[in-house]
C-alpha cells in the first residue's frame, strides 16, 4: 500500500497556477478582509517581493518589520525573518500560510512560565536577608 502525498490546493488551484497570477488577480481568490488589504497595498507587496528576490540572488537574509503584509504565492518557499518587537523570528513560508499576515507567525508575546517568587513578591520573603 503506497501513501500518496496530498497535493496542495488553494481554492481549487494548485500552487503553480497561483504563482502565474498577478498579485491583484490572486486577491480575487482571497476572503474579503485580506482581499481588501491586498488591493490597497499591492504596490507595497510587489516592491517587497522584488526586493526579496534580489536579496535571495545575493544569498542575503530577508528581514522585515512589515508584519501586516499578506502572504501571496510568490513568497512561498522563501525564508523571511519578521521582527516581533525584540528579535527577528525566521519563518519558512509554506502554501498553507497564503492569505495570512506575516505577523501571525512571529508572536510578540511569549508564554508565561511561572517559577518561584522573587524577593519582595511574598510577605515571607521580606524576612530574608538581601544578600
C-alpha atoms as a PDB file:
ATOM      1  CA  UNK A   1       0.000   0.000   0.000  1.00  0.00           C
ATOM      2  CA  UNK A   2       1.525   3.252  -1.167  1.00  0.00           C
ATOM      3  CA  UNK A   3       0.746   6.539   0.565  1.00  0.00           C
ATOM      4  CA  UNK A   4       0.362   9.493  -1.776  1.00  0.00           C
ATOM      5  CA  UNK A   5       1.208  12.955  -0.546  1.00  0.00           C
ATOM      6  CA  UNK A   6      -1.831  15.149  -0.987  1.00  0.00           C
ATOM      7  CA  UNK A   7      -1.180  17.946  -3.476  1.00  0.00           C
ATOM      8  CA  UNK A   8      -1.669  21.426  -2.003  1.00  0.00           C
ATOM      9  CA  UNK A   9      -4.539  23.421  -3.469  1.00  0.00           C
ATOM     10  CA  UNK A  10      -5.860  26.843  -2.521  1.00  0.00           C
ATOM     11  CA  UNK A  11      -9.481  27.388  -3.527  1.00  0.00           C
ATOM     12  CA  UNK A  12      -9.184  24.608  -6.111  1.00  0.00           C
ATOM     13  CA  UNK A  13      -5.981  25.916  -7.746  1.00  0.00           C
ATOM     14  CA  UNK A  14      -2.520  24.391  -7.475  1.00  0.00           C
ATOM     15  CA  UNK A  15       0.456  26.395  -6.264  1.00  0.00           C
ATOM     16  CA  UNK A  16       1.916  26.503  -9.799  1.00  0.00           C
ATOM     17  CA  UNK A  17      -1.318  28.023 -11.143  1.00  0.00           C
ATOM     18  CA  UNK A  18      -1.350  30.574  -8.318  1.00  0.00           C
ATOM     19  CA  UNK A  19       2.275  31.597  -8.926  1.00  0.00           C
ATOM     20  CA  UNK A  20       1.403  32.563 -12.518  1.00  0.00           C
ATOM     21  CA  UNK A  21      -1.222  35.033 -11.239  1.00  0.00           C
ATOM     22  CA  UNK A  22      -0.542  38.720 -10.618  1.00  0.00           C
ATOM     23  CA  UNK A  23      -0.902  39.958  -7.019  1.00  0.00           C
ATOM     24  CA  UNK A  24      -4.215  41.664  -7.840  1.00  0.00           C
ATOM     25  CA  UNK A  25      -5.510  38.565  -9.661  1.00  0.00           C
ATOM     26  CA  UNK A  26      -4.613  36.438  -6.624  1.00  0.00           C
ATOM     27  CA  UNK A  27      -6.550  38.892  -4.439  1.00  0.00           C
ATOM     28  CA  UNK A  28      -9.758  37.715  -6.133  1.00  0.00           C
ATOM     29  CA  UNK A  29      -9.185  34.260  -4.594  1.00  0.00           C
ATOM     30  CA  UNK A  30      -8.886  35.627  -1.035  1.00  0.00           C
ATOM     31  CA  UNK A  31     -11.597  36.226   1.553  1.00  0.00           C
ATOM     32  CA  UNK A  32     -12.969  39.766   1.857  1.00  0.00           C
ATOM     33  CA  UNK A  33     -10.689  41.340   4.519  1.00  0.00           C
ATOM     34  CA  UNK A  34      -7.329  40.138   3.115  1.00  0.00           C
ATOM     35  CA  UNK A  35      -8.584  40.897  -0.431  1.00  0.00           C
ATOM     36  CA  UNK A  36      -9.252  44.498   0.536  1.00  0.00           C
ATOM     37  CA  UNK A  37      -5.814  44.774   2.165  1.00  0.00           C
ATOM     38  CA  UNK A  38      -4.002  43.300  -0.867  1.00  0.00           C
ATOM     39  CA  UNK A  39      -5.836  45.554  -3.291  1.00  0.00           C
ATOM     40  CA  UNK A  40      -4.930  48.594  -1.196  1.00  0.00           C
ATOM     41  CA  UNK A  41      -1.262  47.711  -0.715  1.00  0.00           C
ATOM     42  CA  UNK A  42      -0.426  45.754  -3.882  1.00  0.00           C
ATOM     43  CA  UNK A  43       2.381  48.194  -4.793  1.00  0.00           C
ATOM     44  CA  UNK A  44       3.963  47.716  -1.373  1.00  0.00           C
ATOM     45  CA  UNK A  45       3.670  43.934  -1.777  1.00  0.00           C
ATOM     46  CA  UNK A  46       5.236  43.947  -5.264  1.00  0.00           C
ATOM     47  CA  UNK A  47       8.092  46.153  -4.025  1.00  0.00           C
ATOM     48  CA  UNK A  48       8.712  43.777  -1.104  1.00  0.00           C
ATOM     49  CA  UNK A  49       8.715  40.727  -3.397  1.00  0.00           C
ATOM     50  CA  UNK A  50      11.113  42.312  -5.923  1.00  0.00           C
ATOM     51  CA  UNK A  51      13.490  43.385  -3.120  1.00  0.00           C
ATOM     52  CA  UNK A  52      13.421  39.951  -1.515  1.00  0.00           C
ATOM     53  CA  UNK A  53      14.115  38.204  -4.839  1.00  0.00           C
ATOM     54  CA  UNK A  54      17.205  40.400  -5.267  1.00  0.00           C
ATOM     55  CA  UNK A  55      18.328  39.503  -1.745  1.00  0.00           C
ATOM     56  CA  UNK A  56      17.798  35.796  -2.467  1.00  0.00           C
ATOM     57  CA  UNK A  57      20.019  36.050  -5.561  1.00  0.00           C
ATOM     58  CA  UNK A  58      22.769  37.588  -3.404  1.00  0.00           C
ATOM     59  CA  UNK A  59      22.072  34.886  -0.762  1.00  0.00           C
ATOM     60  CA  UNK A  60      21.266  37.538   1.858  1.00  0.00           C
ATOM     61  CA  UNK A  61      18.773  37.120   4.666  1.00  0.00           C
ATOM     62  CA  UNK A  62      15.363  38.731   4.133  1.00  0.00           C
ATOM     63  CA  UNK A  63      14.440  40.767   7.237  1.00  0.00           C
ATOM     64  CA  UNK A  64      11.334  42.890   7.645  1.00  0.00           C
ATOM     65  CA  UNK A  65       9.345  44.931  10.135  1.00  0.00           C
ATOM     66  CA  UNK A  66       6.248  44.770   7.892  1.00  0.00           C
ATOM     67  CA  UNK A  67       4.088  42.433   9.960  1.00  0.00           C
ATOM     68  CA  UNK A  68       0.887  43.441   8.146  1.00  0.00           C
ATOM     69  CA  UNK A  69       1.867  42.134   4.704  1.00  0.00           C
ATOM     70  CA  UNK A  70      -0.442  39.452   3.332  1.00  0.00           C
ATOM     71  CA  UNK A  71       1.357  36.284   2.185  1.00  0.00           C
ATOM     72  CA  UNK A  72       0.980  35.772  -1.586  1.00  0.00           C
ATOM     73  CA  UNK A  73       2.044  32.784  -3.760  1.00  0.00           C
ATOM     74  CA  UNK A  74       5.312  34.430  -4.899  1.00  0.00           C
ATOM     75  CA  UNK A  75       6.506  34.349  -1.263  1.00  0.00           C
ATOM     76  CA  UNK A  76       6.046  30.577  -0.898  1.00  0.00           C
ATOM     77  CA  UNK A  77       9.336  28.730  -0.156  1.00  0.00           C
ATOM     78  CA  UNK A  78      11.050  31.957   0.971  1.00  0.00           C
ATOM     79  CA  UNK A  79      12.621  32.221   4.403  1.00  0.00           C
ATOM     80  CA  UNK A  80      11.705  35.610   5.870  1.00  0.00           C
ATOM     81  CA  UNK A  81      12.743  36.960   9.271  1.00  0.00           C
ATOM     82  CA  UNK A  82       9.919  39.001  10.801  1.00  0.00           C
ATOM     83  CA  UNK A  83      10.508  41.448  13.661  1.00  0.00           C
ATOM     84  CA  UNK A  84       8.398  40.806  16.763  1.00  0.00           C
ATOM     85  CA  UNK A  85       9.407  43.950  18.657  1.00  0.00           C
ATOM     86  CA  UNK A  86      12.507  42.384  20.170  1.00  0.00           C
ATOM     87  CA  UNK A  87      14.180  39.988  17.705  1.00  0.00           C
ATOM     88  CA  UNK A  88      13.781  38.783  14.119  1.00  0.00           C
ATOM     89  CA  UNK A  89      11.992  35.425  14.004  1.00  0.00           C
ATOM     90  CA  UNK A  90      12.787  33.278  10.915  1.00  0.00           C
ATOM     91  CA  UNK A  91       9.711  31.932   9.128  1.00  0.00           C
ATOM     92  CA  UNK A  92       9.657  29.415   6.268  1.00  0.00           C
ATOM     93  CA  UNK A  93       6.656  30.362   4.084  1.00  0.00           C
ATOM     94  CA  UNK A  94       4.522  27.377   3.028  1.00  0.00           C
ATOM     95  CA  UNK A  95       1.336  27.081   0.972  1.00  0.00           C
ATOM     96  CA  UNK A  96      -0.986  26.842   3.968  1.00  0.00           C
ATOM     97  CA  UNK A  97       0.049  30.382   5.010  1.00  0.00           C
ATOM     98  CA  UNK A  98      -1.469  32.021   1.896  1.00  0.00           C
ATOM     99  CA  UNK A  99      -3.822  34.871   2.755  1.00  0.00           C
ATOM    100  CA  UNK A 100      -2.471  35.275   6.303  1.00  0.00           C
ATOM    101  CA  UNK A 101      -0.290  38.128   7.556  1.00  0.00           C
ATOM    102  CA  UNK A 102       3.414  37.783   8.303  1.00  0.00           C
ATOM    103  CA  UNK A 103       2.895  38.950  11.879  1.00  0.00           C
ATOM    104  CA  UNK A 104       0.663  35.976  12.670  1.00  0.00           C
ATOM    105  CA  UNK A 105       3.696  33.695  12.597  1.00  0.00           C
ATOM    106  CA  UNK A 106       6.048  35.899  14.656  1.00  0.00           C
ATOM    107  CA  UNK A 107       4.388  36.110  18.051  1.00  0.00           C
ATOM    108  CA  UNK A 108       5.056  39.247  20.088  1.00  0.00           C
ATOM    109  CA  UNK A 109       4.167  37.823  23.492  1.00  0.00           C
ATOM    110  CA  UNK A 110       5.822  34.773  24.967  1.00  0.00           C
ATOM    111  CA  UNK A 111       4.092  32.203  27.098  1.00  0.00           C
ATOM    112  CA  UNK A 112       4.264  32.961  30.821  1.00  0.00           C
ATOM    113  CA  UNK A 113       6.383  30.428  32.688  1.00  0.00           C
ATOM    114  CA  UNK A 114       5.723  30.785  36.395  1.00  0.00           C
ATOM    115  CA  UNK A 115       8.704  29.966  38.554  1.00  0.00           C
ATOM    116  CA  UNK A 116       9.450  30.657  42.181  1.00  0.00           C
ATOM    117  CA  UNK A 117       8.531  34.082  43.542  1.00  0.00           C
ATOM    118  CA  UNK A 118      11.222  36.764  43.585  1.00  0.00           C
ATOM    119  CA  UNK A 119      12.389  38.776  46.593  1.00  0.00           C
ATOM    120  CA  UNK A 120       9.596  41.045  47.815  1.00  0.00           C
ATOM    121  CA  UNK A 121       6.886  39.146  45.964  1.00  0.00           C
ATOM    122  CA  UNK A 122       5.580  37.463  49.121  1.00  0.00           C
ATOM    123  CA  UNK A 123       5.370  38.506  52.752  1.00  0.00           C
ATOM    124  CA  UNK A 124       7.652  35.664  53.776  1.00  0.00           C
ATOM    125  CA  UNK A 125      10.463  36.890  51.519  1.00  0.00           C
ATOM    126  CA  UNK A 126      10.739  40.227  53.379  1.00  0.00           C
ATOM    127  CA  UNK A 127      12.248  38.448  56.378  1.00  0.00           C
ATOM    128  CA  UNK A 128      15.056  37.020  54.216  1.00  0.00           C
ATOM    129  CA  UNK A 129      18.367  38.844  54.046  1.00  0.00           C
ATOM    130  CA  UNK A 130      19.082  40.700  50.808  1.00  0.00           C
ATOM    131  CA  UNK A 131      22.458  39.046  50.261  1.00  0.00           C
END
